[in-house]
N, C-alpha and C. Protein backbone atom coordinates (compact mmCIF):
# COMPACT_ATOMS: atom_id res chain seq x y z
N MET A 1 119.05 151.40 39.65
CA MET A 1 119.09 149.68 39.79
C MET A 1 120.04 148.99 39.94
N ASP A 2 121.35 148.33 40.30
CA ASP A 2 121.97 147.72 40.24
C ASP A 2 122.07 146.58 39.57
N LEU A 3 123.33 145.70 39.36
CA LEU A 3 122.85 144.45 39.08
C LEU A 3 122.73 143.83 39.41
N THR A 4 122.75 143.96 41.03
CA THR A 4 122.21 143.13 41.35
C THR A 4 121.28 142.25 41.45
N GLN A 5 120.41 143.96 42.22
CA GLN A 5 118.33 143.55 41.36
C GLN A 5 118.44 143.68 40.44
N CYS A 6 118.90 144.66 39.34
CA CYS A 6 118.77 144.10 37.81
C CYS A 6 118.31 142.04 37.91
N LEU A 7 118.51 141.17 38.21
CA LEU A 7 119.25 140.13 38.66
C LEU A 7 118.13 139.43 39.10
N ALA A 8 117.94 140.53 40.44
CA ALA A 8 116.58 140.26 41.50
C ALA A 8 115.36 140.18 40.10
N ALA A 9 115.30 141.44 39.03
CA ALA A 9 114.33 141.60 39.36
C ALA A 9 113.36 140.44 37.71
N ARG A 10 114.91 140.19 37.44
CA ARG A 10 114.39 138.67 36.38
C ARG A 10 113.54 137.41 36.79
N GLY A 11 114.14 137.13 38.05
CA GLY A 11 113.98 136.53 38.35
C GLY A 11 115.47 134.73 38.45
N SER A 12 116.56 135.83 38.50
CA SER A 12 117.37 135.51 38.22
C SER A 12 117.07 133.83 39.67
N SER A 13 118.23 132.92 39.49
CA SER A 13 118.47 131.93 41.06
C SER A 13 119.93 132.92 40.70
N LEU A 14 120.52 133.67 40.79
CA LEU A 14 122.30 133.87 41.17
C LEU A 14 121.93 134.93 42.56
N VAL A 15 121.65 135.28 42.54
CA VAL A 15 120.76 136.11 43.58
C VAL A 15 120.52 135.28 44.57
N ARG A 16 120.76 134.43 45.30
CA ARG A 16 119.81 133.90 46.08
C ARG A 16 121.24 132.43 46.28
N GLN A 17 120.98 132.77 47.61
CA GLN A 17 121.91 131.91 48.56
C GLN A 17 121.82 130.56 48.20
N PRO A 18 122.87 130.11 47.75
CA PRO A 18 123.29 128.36 47.41
C PRO A 18 123.27 127.60 48.61
N VAL A 19 122.51 126.55 49.55
CA VAL A 19 122.06 125.22 49.52
C VAL A 19 122.93 124.09 49.65
N THR A 20 123.46 123.53 50.53
CA THR A 20 123.58 122.12 49.30
C THR A 20 122.98 121.23 49.91
N THR A 21 122.81 120.24 49.25
CA THR A 21 122.11 119.20 48.62
C THR A 21 122.59 117.33 48.92
N GLU A 22 122.63 116.82 49.27
CA GLU A 22 123.02 114.91 49.56
C GLU A 22 122.82 114.61 47.21
N ALA A 23 123.09 113.25 47.41
CA ALA A 23 124.19 112.96 46.09
C ALA A 23 122.34 112.67 45.76
N THR A 24 121.47 113.12 44.37
CA THR A 24 121.13 112.13 43.73
C THR A 24 121.23 111.13 42.63
N SER A 25 121.31 109.54 42.90
CA SER A 25 121.06 109.28 41.55
C SER A 25 122.46 108.16 41.46
N ASN A 26 123.34 108.67 40.00
CA ASN A 26 125.18 108.52 39.60
C ASN A 26 125.19 109.94 39.41
N VAL A 27 124.74 110.71 39.54
CA VAL A 27 125.10 112.81 39.88
C VAL A 27 125.38 112.98 41.13
N HIS A 28 126.33 113.76 41.77
CA HIS A 28 126.44 113.69 42.98
C HIS A 28 126.53 115.48 42.70
N VAL A 29 125.81 116.31 43.41
CA VAL A 29 125.16 117.43 43.85
C VAL A 29 125.47 118.31 44.61
N GLU A 30 126.20 119.54 45.17
CA GLU A 30 126.73 120.46 45.79
C GLU A 30 126.81 121.71 45.44
N PHE A 31 126.25 122.56 46.89
CA PHE A 31 126.27 123.47 46.53
C PHE A 31 126.84 124.35 47.37
N SER A 32 127.82 125.69 46.88
CA SER A 32 128.83 125.27 47.80
C SER A 32 128.00 126.20 49.09
N ALA A 33 128.97 126.41 50.04
CA ALA A 33 129.15 127.03 51.39
C ALA A 33 130.15 127.90 51.69
N ALA A 34 130.27 128.95 52.76
CA ALA A 34 131.08 128.82 53.59
C ALA A 34 131.67 128.49 54.44
N VAL A 35 132.41 127.76 53.37
CA VAL A 35 133.34 127.61 55.30
C VAL A 35 134.40 126.66 54.72
N VAL A 36 135.30 127.11 55.83
CA VAL A 36 137.00 126.55 55.93
C VAL A 36 137.33 124.86 55.17
N ARG A 37 137.81 125.15 54.89
CA ARG A 37 138.41 123.33 54.48
C ARG A 37 139.61 123.05 54.52
N GLU A 38 140.44 122.28 55.81
CA GLU A 38 142.07 121.40 54.88
C GLU A 38 141.56 121.38 53.67
N TRP A 39 143.25 122.12 53.05
CA TRP A 39 143.45 120.93 51.94
C TRP A 39 143.71 119.83 51.96
N ASP A 40 143.16 118.52 50.99
CA ASP A 40 143.12 117.32 51.66
C ASP A 40 142.98 116.17 50.49
N GLY A 41 143.75 117.47 48.83
CA GLY A 41 143.34 116.70 47.97
C GLY A 41 142.78 115.44 47.70
N ALA A 42 143.50 114.15 48.30
CA ALA A 42 143.35 112.97 48.31
C ALA A 42 141.98 112.72 48.34
N HIS A 43 141.63 113.11 49.58
CA HIS A 43 140.60 112.70 49.74
C HIS A 43 139.61 113.05 50.75
N MET A 44 139.15 114.36 49.49
CA MET A 44 137.77 115.87 48.34
C MET A 44 137.32 114.64 48.02
N ARG A 45 136.15 115.28 47.78
CA ARG A 45 135.89 114.01 46.18
C ARG A 45 135.51 115.43 45.10
N SER A 46 135.45 115.25 44.59
CA SER A 46 136.02 116.05 43.15
C SER A 46 135.29 117.66 43.12
N THR A 47 134.02 117.64 44.20
CA THR A 47 133.35 118.79 43.31
C THR A 47 133.53 119.93 44.70
N GLU A 48 134.75 118.55 45.55
CA GLU A 48 135.25 119.94 46.84
C GLU A 48 136.07 120.29 46.24
N ILE A 49 136.76 119.39 45.93
CA ILE A 49 138.63 120.58 44.71
C ILE A 49 138.70 121.30 44.53
N VAL A 50 137.09 121.17 43.09
CA VAL A 50 136.54 123.00 42.60
C VAL A 50 136.31 123.76 43.06
N THR A 51 135.99 123.56 44.23
CA THR A 51 134.49 124.82 45.19
C THR A 51 136.64 124.92 46.06
N ALA A 52 136.80 124.51 47.09
CA ALA A 52 138.03 124.65 47.33
C ALA A 52 138.64 126.18 46.12
N PHE A 53 139.26 125.44 45.13
CA PHE A 53 140.40 125.75 44.14
C PHE A 53 138.90 127.21 44.36
N TRP A 54 138.00 127.69 43.91
CA TRP A 54 137.12 128.69 43.70
C TRP A 54 137.65 130.12 44.57
N ASP A 55 137.35 129.36 46.18
CA ASP A 55 137.28 129.76 47.38
C ASP A 55 138.89 130.01 47.63
N GLU A 56 139.60 129.04 47.44
CA GLU A 56 141.43 129.24 48.09
C GLU A 56 141.85 130.22 47.45
N VAL A 57 141.65 130.41 46.22
CA VAL A 57 142.54 130.43 45.58
C VAL A 57 142.21 132.31 44.49
N TRP A 58 140.67 132.02 44.42
CA TRP A 58 140.06 132.87 43.60
C TRP A 58 139.74 133.78 44.70
N ASN A 59 138.05 133.72 45.62
CA ASN A 59 137.71 134.58 46.60
C ASN A 59 138.98 134.63 47.89
N ALA A 60 140.40 134.29 47.65
CA ALA A 60 141.19 134.42 49.16
C ALA A 60 142.24 135.62 48.33
N HIS A 61 141.75 135.66 47.13
CA HIS A 61 142.51 135.87 46.21
C HIS A 61 144.30 136.24 46.32
N GLU A 62 144.80 134.83 46.20
CA GLU A 62 145.62 133.84 46.52
C GLU A 62 146.85 132.96 45.44
N PRO A 63 146.72 133.95 44.25
CA PRO A 63 147.21 132.91 43.19
C PRO A 63 148.56 132.08 43.54
N ASP A 64 149.10 131.85 44.46
CA ASP A 64 149.76 130.94 44.51
C ASP A 64 149.59 130.38 44.99
N ALA A 65 148.27 130.48 45.50
CA ALA A 65 148.18 128.69 46.06
C ALA A 65 147.08 127.98 44.94
N VAL A 66 146.82 128.43 43.53
CA VAL A 66 146.93 127.21 42.70
C VAL A 66 148.33 125.85 42.52
N ASP A 67 149.24 126.61 43.04
CA ASP A 67 150.12 125.26 43.61
C ASP A 67 149.88 123.99 44.05
N ARG A 68 148.35 124.08 44.63
CA ARG A 68 148.41 123.44 45.52
C ARG A 68 147.10 122.32 45.82
N PHE A 69 146.50 123.27 44.26
CA PHE A 69 145.07 122.37 43.04
C PHE A 69 145.46 122.02 41.81
N VAL A 70 145.96 122.05 41.28
CA VAL A 70 146.74 122.03 39.62
C VAL A 70 147.90 121.47 39.25
N ALA A 71 147.84 119.78 38.77
CA ALA A 71 148.29 118.83 38.19
C ALA A 71 150.15 120.05 37.47
N ASP A 72 151.20 119.56 37.19
CA ASP A 72 152.28 120.29 36.63
C ASP A 72 151.89 121.12 35.40
N ASP A 73 151.30 119.64 34.49
CA ASP A 73 151.22 119.84 33.33
C ASP A 73 149.67 120.38 32.92
N VAL A 74 148.97 121.18 34.31
CA VAL A 74 147.30 121.84 33.62
C VAL A 74 147.93 122.89 32.69
N VAL A 75 146.80 122.35 32.16
CA VAL A 75 145.98 123.60 30.76
C VAL A 75 144.64 124.36 31.19
N ILE A 76 144.66 125.22 30.93
CA ILE A 76 142.44 125.79 30.73
C ILE A 76 142.62 125.98 30.07
N GLU A 77 141.38 126.24 29.50
CA GLU A 77 141.11 127.51 27.96
C GLU A 77 140.20 127.69 28.60
N ALA A 78 140.21 129.53 28.27
CA ALA A 78 139.56 130.75 29.24
C ALA A 78 139.74 131.73 27.51
N GLY A 79 138.63 132.60 26.62
CA GLY A 79 138.79 133.05 26.28
C GLY A 79 139.59 133.63 25.35
N GLY A 80 139.24 131.87 24.44
CA GLY A 80 139.68 131.50 23.25
C GLY A 80 141.47 131.22 23.21
N GLN A 81 141.55 130.83 25.02
CA GLN A 81 143.00 131.14 25.30
C GLN A 81 143.42 129.61 25.39
N GLU A 82 144.41 129.34 25.20
CA GLU A 82 145.33 128.31 26.26
C GLU A 82 146.34 128.36 26.87
N ILE A 83 145.85 127.73 28.58
CA ILE A 83 147.05 129.19 29.59
C ILE A 83 147.41 127.19 29.77
N ALA A 84 148.88 127.17 29.75
CA ALA A 84 149.01 125.80 30.27
C ALA A 84 150.94 126.17 30.87
N GLY A 85 150.45 125.16 32.15
CA GLY A 85 151.82 125.51 33.41
C GLY A 85 151.23 126.05 34.08
N LYS A 86 152.01 124.93 35.86
CA LYS A 86 151.30 126.28 37.03
C LYS A 86 152.07 127.34 36.96
N ASP A 87 152.88 128.07 35.96
CA ASP A 87 153.14 129.26 36.21
C ASP A 87 152.36 130.53 35.05
N ASN A 88 152.13 129.86 34.46
CA ASN A 88 151.12 130.68 33.81
C ASN A 88 149.68 131.11 33.74
N ILE A 89 149.53 129.79 35.05
CA ILE A 89 147.95 129.66 35.06
C ILE A 89 148.02 131.13 36.37
N ARG A 90 148.69 131.09 36.95
CA ARG A 90 148.61 131.57 37.65
C ARG A 90 149.54 133.40 37.29
N SER A 91 149.91 133.20 36.58
CA SER A 91 150.61 134.85 36.38
C SER A 91 148.26 135.24 35.80
N TRP A 92 148.01 134.32 35.84
CA TRP A 92 146.66 134.44 34.59
C TRP A 92 145.40 134.48 35.82
N VAL A 93 145.44 134.14 36.61
CA VAL A 93 144.99 134.52 37.62
C VAL A 93 145.21 136.18 38.93
N LYS A 94 146.32 136.04 38.71
CA LYS A 94 146.64 136.81 39.02
C LYS A 94 145.33 138.66 38.22
N GLU A 95 145.99 138.21 37.40
CA GLU A 95 146.25 139.92 35.79
C GLU A 95 144.71 139.79 36.37
N PHE A 96 144.23 138.89 36.25
CA PHE A 96 142.29 138.72 36.03
C PHE A 96 141.75 139.22 38.23
N LEU A 97 142.81 139.07 39.09
CA LEU A 97 142.29 140.23 40.54
C LEU A 97 142.63 141.39 40.35
N ASP A 98 143.85 140.84 38.91
CA ASP A 98 143.68 142.79 39.50
C ASP A 98 143.00 143.50 38.25
N HIS A 99 142.01 143.19 37.45
CA HIS A 99 141.08 144.38 37.31
C HIS A 99 140.30 143.47 37.76
N VAL A 100 139.75 142.83 38.30
CA VAL A 100 139.00 143.58 38.56
C VAL A 100 138.94 143.06 40.80
N ASN A 101 138.05 144.46 40.87
CA ASN A 101 138.30 144.95 42.41
C ASN A 101 137.28 144.09 43.21
N ASP A 102 137.90 143.86 44.83
CA ASP A 102 136.86 142.80 44.71
C ASP A 102 136.08 141.71 44.73
N LEU A 103 136.76 140.83 43.70
CA LEU A 103 136.22 140.15 43.21
C LEU A 103 136.35 138.81 43.66
N HIS A 104 135.21 138.11 43.47
CA HIS A 104 134.36 137.39 44.36
C HIS A 104 133.96 136.27 42.98
N VAL A 105 133.87 135.06 43.83
CA VAL A 105 133.56 133.51 42.19
C VAL A 105 132.07 132.71 43.35
N ASP A 106 131.24 132.96 43.55
CA ASP A 106 129.90 131.75 44.02
C ASP A 106 129.18 130.75 43.56
N THR A 107 129.61 129.49 43.34
CA THR A 107 129.51 128.43 42.38
C THR A 107 128.24 128.58 42.64
N ILE A 108 127.57 128.83 41.96
CA ILE A 108 125.69 127.66 42.10
C ILE A 108 125.60 126.97 42.34
N GLU A 109 126.28 125.45 41.48
CA GLU A 109 125.61 124.70 41.51
C GLU A 109 127.75 123.88 40.60
N THR A 110 127.49 123.23 40.88
CA THR A 110 128.93 122.01 41.09
C THR A 110 128.61 120.83 41.11
N PHE A 111 129.05 119.33 39.95
CA PHE A 111 128.54 118.18 40.31
C PHE A 111 129.34 117.46 39.49
N GLN A 112 129.30 116.46 39.71
CA GLN A 112 131.00 114.74 38.81
C GLN A 112 129.96 114.08 38.15
N ASN A 113 131.22 113.58 37.72
CA ASN A 113 130.72 112.40 36.87
C ASN A 113 130.65 111.38 38.27
N ASP A 114 130.45 110.13 37.34
CA ASP A 114 130.60 108.61 38.64
C ASP A 114 132.05 108.19 39.19
N ASP A 115 132.87 108.62 38.24
CA ASP A 115 133.91 108.26 39.07
C ASP A 115 134.66 109.20 39.11
N GLY A 116 134.31 110.87 39.20
CA GLY A 116 135.05 111.97 39.95
C GLY A 116 136.44 112.48 38.65
N THR A 117 136.44 112.26 37.89
CA THR A 117 136.98 112.30 36.75
C THR A 117 136.42 113.59 35.85
N ARG A 118 135.31 114.33 35.98
CA ARG A 118 135.14 115.19 35.71
C ARG A 118 134.75 116.52 36.51
N VAL A 119 134.46 117.25 36.36
CA VAL A 119 133.72 118.05 37.60
C VAL A 119 133.02 119.53 36.23
N THR A 120 131.43 119.30 36.26
CA THR A 120 131.41 120.94 35.91
C THR A 120 130.79 122.04 37.10
N SER A 121 130.64 122.97 36.83
CA SER A 121 130.75 124.00 37.87
C SER A 121 129.83 125.35 38.12
N ARG A 122 128.21 126.06 37.76
CA ARG A 122 128.30 126.70 37.57
C ARG A 122 128.83 127.96 38.27
N TRP A 123 128.93 128.93 37.93
CA TRP A 123 129.08 130.13 38.72
C TRP A 123 129.40 131.61 38.46
N VAL A 124 128.72 132.43 39.21
CA VAL A 124 128.49 133.53 39.45
C VAL A 124 130.01 134.50 39.49
N LEU A 125 130.67 135.63 39.07
CA LEU A 125 132.02 136.38 39.87
C LEU A 125 131.40 137.75 39.01
N THR A 126 131.42 138.42 40.91
CA THR A 126 130.81 139.95 40.47
C THR A 126 132.62 140.92 41.35
N GLY A 127 132.44 141.71 41.77
CA GLY A 127 133.15 142.40 41.69
C GLY A 127 133.20 144.20 41.70
N THR A 128 134.00 145.01 42.14
CA THR A 128 134.19 145.77 40.76
C THR A 128 135.61 146.06 39.63
N ASN A 129 134.61 147.25 38.30
CA ASN A 129 136.03 147.07 37.38
C ASN A 129 136.79 148.23 37.26
N ASN A 130 138.16 147.14 37.77
CA ASN A 130 139.53 147.90 37.55
C ASN A 130 139.64 147.47 36.45
N GLY A 131 139.32 147.67 34.73
CA GLY A 131 139.89 147.67 33.68
C GLY A 131 139.79 146.12 33.06
N ILE A 132 138.88 145.64 33.44
CA ILE A 132 138.74 144.64 33.21
C ILE A 132 137.98 144.50 31.43
N LEU A 133 138.66 143.83 31.19
CA LEU A 133 137.69 142.81 29.54
C LEU A 133 138.45 144.75 28.70
N GLY A 134 139.85 145.93 29.16
CA GLY A 134 139.86 146.04 28.32
C GLY A 134 139.61 147.63 28.50
N THR A 135 138.46 147.20 29.49
CA THR A 135 138.09 148.82 29.39
C THR A 135 138.66 149.81 31.04
N GLU A 136 138.56 151.58 30.58
CA GLU A 136 138.68 152.13 31.38
C GLU A 136 138.21 151.62 32.51
N PRO A 137 139.14 151.08 33.97
CA PRO A 137 139.42 151.09 35.36
C PRO A 137 137.58 152.57 35.73
N ASN A 138 136.48 152.02 36.56
CA ASN A 138 135.74 152.98 36.20
C ASN A 138 135.16 152.37 37.72
N SER A 139 135.36 151.72 38.24
CA SER A 139 134.53 151.54 40.19
C SER A 139 133.02 151.42 39.08
N LYS A 140 132.63 150.38 37.94
CA LYS A 140 131.37 150.34 38.09
C LYS A 140 130.88 148.37 38.90
N PRO A 141 130.45 148.25 39.05
CA PRO A 141 130.05 147.06 39.99
C PRO A 141 129.74 145.71 38.67
N ILE A 142 130.77 144.78 39.20
CA ILE A 142 130.25 143.86 38.03
C ILE A 142 129.74 142.58 38.51
N ALA A 143 128.96 141.22 37.17
CA ALA A 143 128.38 140.76 37.45
C ALA A 143 128.62 138.95 35.76
N MET A 144 129.46 138.22 36.41
CA MET A 144 129.91 137.67 35.00
C MET A 144 130.09 136.18 34.76
N THR A 145 129.22 135.59 34.49
CA THR A 145 128.46 134.02 34.53
C THR A 145 129.01 133.26 34.16
N GLY A 146 129.36 132.29 33.99
CA GLY A 146 129.93 131.11 33.53
C GLY A 146 130.35 129.95 33.85
N VAL A 147 130.30 128.34 33.34
CA VAL A 147 130.90 127.48 33.47
C VAL A 147 132.65 127.07 33.29
N ALA A 148 132.39 125.48 33.62
CA ALA A 148 134.02 125.36 34.39
C ALA A 148 133.58 123.90 34.00
N VAL A 149 134.48 123.18 32.94
CA VAL A 149 134.03 121.45 33.01
C VAL A 149 136.28 121.85 33.48
N TRP A 150 136.55 120.57 33.82
CA TRP A 150 137.17 120.11 34.65
C TRP A 150 137.83 118.41 33.94
N THR A 151 139.03 118.28 33.98
CA THR A 151 139.14 116.98 34.94
C THR A 151 139.99 117.43 35.54
N VAL A 152 139.97 116.10 36.25
CA VAL A 152 140.95 115.92 37.89
C VAL A 152 141.04 114.52 38.32
N ASP A 153 142.78 113.87 38.07
CA ASP A 153 143.72 112.77 38.09
C ASP A 153 143.44 112.75 39.72
N ASP A 154 143.93 111.15 39.83
CA ASP A 154 144.53 110.38 40.43
C ASP A 154 144.64 111.24 42.07
N ASP A 155 145.82 112.19 41.55
CA ASP A 155 145.87 112.79 42.74
C ASP A 155 144.97 113.75 43.10
N GLY A 156 144.20 114.08 43.08
CA GLY A 156 143.06 114.77 43.31
C GLY A 156 143.96 116.71 42.24
N LYS A 157 143.45 116.48 40.98
CA LYS A 157 144.96 117.71 41.35
C LYS A 157 143.68 118.05 39.56
N LEU A 158 143.69 119.51 39.61
CA LEU A 158 142.96 120.10 38.67
C LEU A 158 144.45 120.21 36.94
N GLN A 159 143.53 118.99 36.12
CA GLN A 159 144.30 117.78 34.46
C GLN A 159 144.58 119.64 33.63
N ARG A 160 143.36 119.59 33.60
CA ARG A 160 142.67 119.82 32.12
C ARG A 160 141.58 120.98 32.57
N GLY A 161 141.35 122.25 31.28
CA GLY A 161 139.85 123.12 31.83
C GLY A 161 139.41 123.77 31.88
N TRP A 162 138.31 123.79 31.52
CA TRP A 162 137.28 123.98 29.85
C TRP A 162 137.01 125.76 30.85
N VAL A 163 136.71 127.44 30.45
CA VAL A 163 136.41 127.97 31.18
C VAL A 163 135.63 128.42 29.55
N GLU A 164 134.23 128.95 29.54
CA GLU A 164 133.22 129.93 29.68
C GLU A 164 133.07 130.70 29.84
N GLN A 165 133.25 132.31 30.13
CA GLN A 165 131.85 133.21 30.38
C GLN A 165 130.97 133.66 29.67
N ALA A 166 130.23 134.65 30.34
CA ALA A 166 129.33 135.87 29.09
C ALA A 166 130.43 136.97 29.71
N SER A 167 131.36 136.48 28.87
CA SER A 167 132.64 138.30 28.80
C SER A 167 132.13 139.68 27.95
N PHE A 168 130.76 139.20 26.78
CA PHE A 168 130.74 140.21 26.03
C PHE A 168 129.27 140.94 26.67
N GLU A 169 127.99 139.83 27.33
CA GLU A 169 127.16 140.90 28.48
C GLU A 169 127.89 142.01 29.26
N LEU A 170 129.28 141.00 29.76
CA LEU A 170 129.96 141.84 30.25
C LEU A 170 130.23 143.27 29.95
N TYR A 171 131.06 143.60 29.07
CA TYR A 171 132.02 144.46 28.18
C TYR A 171 130.06 145.33 26.94
N HIS A 172 129.11 144.51 27.03
CA HIS A 172 128.83 145.43 26.74
C HIS A 172 127.90 146.96 28.00
N TRP A 173 127.79 145.97 28.84
CA TRP A 173 127.12 146.75 30.20
C TRP A 173 128.18 147.97 30.89
N LEU A 174 129.40 147.56 30.79
CA LEU A 174 130.56 148.64 31.43
C LEU A 174 130.52 150.14 30.14
N LEU A 175 130.34 149.38 28.60
CA LEU A 175 129.99 150.87 27.91
C LEU A 175 129.57 151.22 27.80
N VAL A 176 127.77 150.94 27.66
CA VAL A 176 126.89 151.06 27.84
C VAL A 176 126.74 151.68 28.55
N LYS A 177 125.81 151.49 30.32
CA LYS A 177 126.36 152.30 30.92
C LYS A 177 126.99 153.53 31.26
């Protein structure tokens, strides 16, 4: 049984196809869709900016696309470390892409506050192991869930991000199997 089958057997929603929903009350909820977007951060909802960041940077395997999405003084906290500035974010993305073959991020749900200055995104990252978390590259299929919280500035740029991922579970999966 592979990881996707295991998740499905547990009844996990991570293996379902996401759908788009309309805004409800004061919280706007958006599930991912496989669509191509033209980048125009000033005229996009904040949820669309975050979804485009996952798609056009991570899923397209284009670390240089970071420049379109983040502010010059961007800071991301992930895995207990602080990554500051576009150059360091670009390097961080490249290093991650180098350690996960066929990396793909599926957003499970993304929502924002009323004024669009804060966005939260739940996601699952899949691919095959090429040395992630310091493990030996072995091409095992991987899946890691996570949550990211972003602040979005007036120009539609990601200003600050906090990324939490289930890396312990992934590390255990890679070492035990």
